[in-house]
Amino acid sequence: MRTYCIYGILIYLAAINVAAFFLYGIDKWKAKRNKWRVTEARLLWIAVAGGSIGALLGMKIWHHKTQHAKFRFGLPAILILHLAAVLAALYCYYFVN
């Protein structure tokens, strides 16, 4: 049962990170063409929802939102929180029964 839960979490994290990466790319594309943009709140919330790695990669690859302090410092902070949560979950999985 635990194994299925872990697989589900991994699939979710992979999907949300791919979505975050492409959402940053789409917003950059729209910015260049002066089109309706993705809100900054949505870009940050997809990172909070688990897509922090994809958001950081999208920021670097697409060169998007790199000058905004809330993205430059906020996304790494979100990633640190996610890593802490993963470490806590692994600790509970392996050492707490």
Protein backbone atom coordinates (compact mmCIF):
# COMPACT_ATOMS: atom_id res chain seq x y z
CA MET A 1 0.00 0.00 0.00
CA ARG A 2 2.79 2.45 0.88
CA THR A 3 4.52 1.79 -2.43
CA TYR A 4 1.44 2.81 -4.42
CA CYS A 5 1.22 6.02 -2.43
CA ILE A 6 4.85 6.84 -3.18
CA TYR A 7 4.33 6.15 -6.89
CA GLY A 8 1.29 8.41 -6.90
CA ILE A 9 3.23 11.22 -5.25
CA LEU A 10 6.12 10.84 -7.69
CA ILE A 11 3.77 10.92 -10.68
CA TYR A 12 2.05 14.02 -9.29
CA LEU A 13 5.37 15.79 -8.70
CA ALA A 14 6.62 14.93 -12.18
CA ALA A 15 3.41 16.23 -13.77
CA ILE A 16 3.25 19.45 -11.74
CA ASN A 17 6.91 20.23 -12.44
CA VAL A 18 6.48 19.69 -16.19
CA ALA A 19 3.39 21.90 -16.07
CA ALA A 20 5.26 24.62 -14.15
CA PHE A 21 8.16 24.53 -16.59
CA PHE A 22 5.90 24.96 -19.60
CA LEU A 23 3.72 27.56 -17.87
CA TYR A 24 6.79 29.77 -17.43
CA GLY A 25 7.64 29.21 -21.10
CA ILE A 26 4.11 30.07 -22.21
CA ASP A 27 4.14 33.25 -20.13
CA LYS A 28 7.48 34.28 -21.63
CA TRP A 29 6.13 33.62 -25.13
CA LYS A 30 3.04 35.72 -24.35
CA ALA A 31 5.19 38.51 -22.88
CA LYS A 32 7.21 38.77 -26.09
CA ARG A 33 4.03 39.02 -28.16
CA ASN A 34 2.20 41.45 -25.87
CA LYS A 35 -0.62 38.96 -25.25
CA TRP A 36 -2.78 38.14 -22.23
CA ARG A 37 -0.33 36.93 -19.54
CA VAL A 38 -0.29 34.30 -16.83
CA THR A 39 -0.62 36.06 -13.48
CA GLU A 40 2.36 36.16 -11.14
CA ALA A 41 0.16 34.64 -8.44
CA ARG A 42 -0.54 31.62 -10.65
CA LEU A 43 3.15 31.22 -11.45
CA LEU A 44 3.98 31.25 -7.74
CA TRP A 45 1.10 28.96 -6.76
CA ILE A 46 2.11 26.26 -9.21
CA ALA A 47 5.51 26.29 -7.51
CA VAL A 48 3.90 26.06 -4.07
CA ALA A 49 1.74 23.16 -5.29
CA GLY A 50 4.87 21.11 -5.87
CA GLY A 51 6.31 22.53 -9.05
CA SER A 52 9.22 24.46 -7.57
CA ILE A 53 11.89 22.58 -9.53
CA GLY A 54 10.02 23.04 -12.81
CA ALA A 55 9.43 26.71 -12.02
CA LEU A 56 13.12 27.30 -11.28
CA LEU A 57 14.14 25.46 -14.44
CA GLY A 58 11.59 27.43 -16.46
CA MET A 59 12.88 30.65 -14.98
CA LYS A 60 16.45 29.77 -15.97
CA ILE A 61 15.78 28.20 -19.38
CA TRP A 62 13.27 30.78 -20.59
CA HIS A 63 15.06 33.71 -18.82
CA HIS A 64 11.74 34.73 -17.34
CA LYS A 65 11.01 36.60 -14.10
CA THR A 66 14.71 36.55 -13.19
CA GLN A 67 14.74 40.18 -12.06
CA HIS A 68 11.72 39.94 -9.75
CA ALA A 69 12.76 39.50 -6.11
CA LYS A 70 9.72 37.41 -5.22
CA PHE A 71 10.72 34.90 -7.90
CA ARG A 72 14.50 35.13 -7.48
CA PHE A 73 14.28 34.53 -3.72
CA GLY A 74 10.80 33.05 -3.33
CA LEU A 75 11.22 30.04 -5.62
CA PRO A 76 14.42 28.81 -3.93
CA ALA A 77 12.71 29.27 -0.54
CA ILE A 78 9.74 27.19 -1.73
CA LEU A 79 12.14 24.52 -2.99
CA ILE A 80 13.88 24.39 0.39
CA LEU A 81 10.51 23.92 2.10
CA HIS A 82 9.64 21.13 -0.33
CA LEU A 83 12.96 19.39 0.29
CA ALA A 84 12.40 19.64 4.05
CA ALA A 85 8.96 18.08 3.62
CA VAL A 86 10.40 15.24 1.52
CA LEU A 87 13.10 14.57 4.12
CA ALA A 88 10.50 14.55 6.90
CA ALA A 89 8.32 12.15 4.90
CA LEU A 90 11.28 9.84 4.24
CA TYR A 91 12.19 9.90 7.92
CA CYS A 92 8.64 8.96 8.88
CA TYR A 93 8.49 6.27 6.20
CA TYR A 94 11.71 4.55 7.24
CA PHE A 95 12.05 5.22 10.96
CA VAL A 96 8.60 5.79 12.46
CA ASN A 97 6.20 2.87 12.68
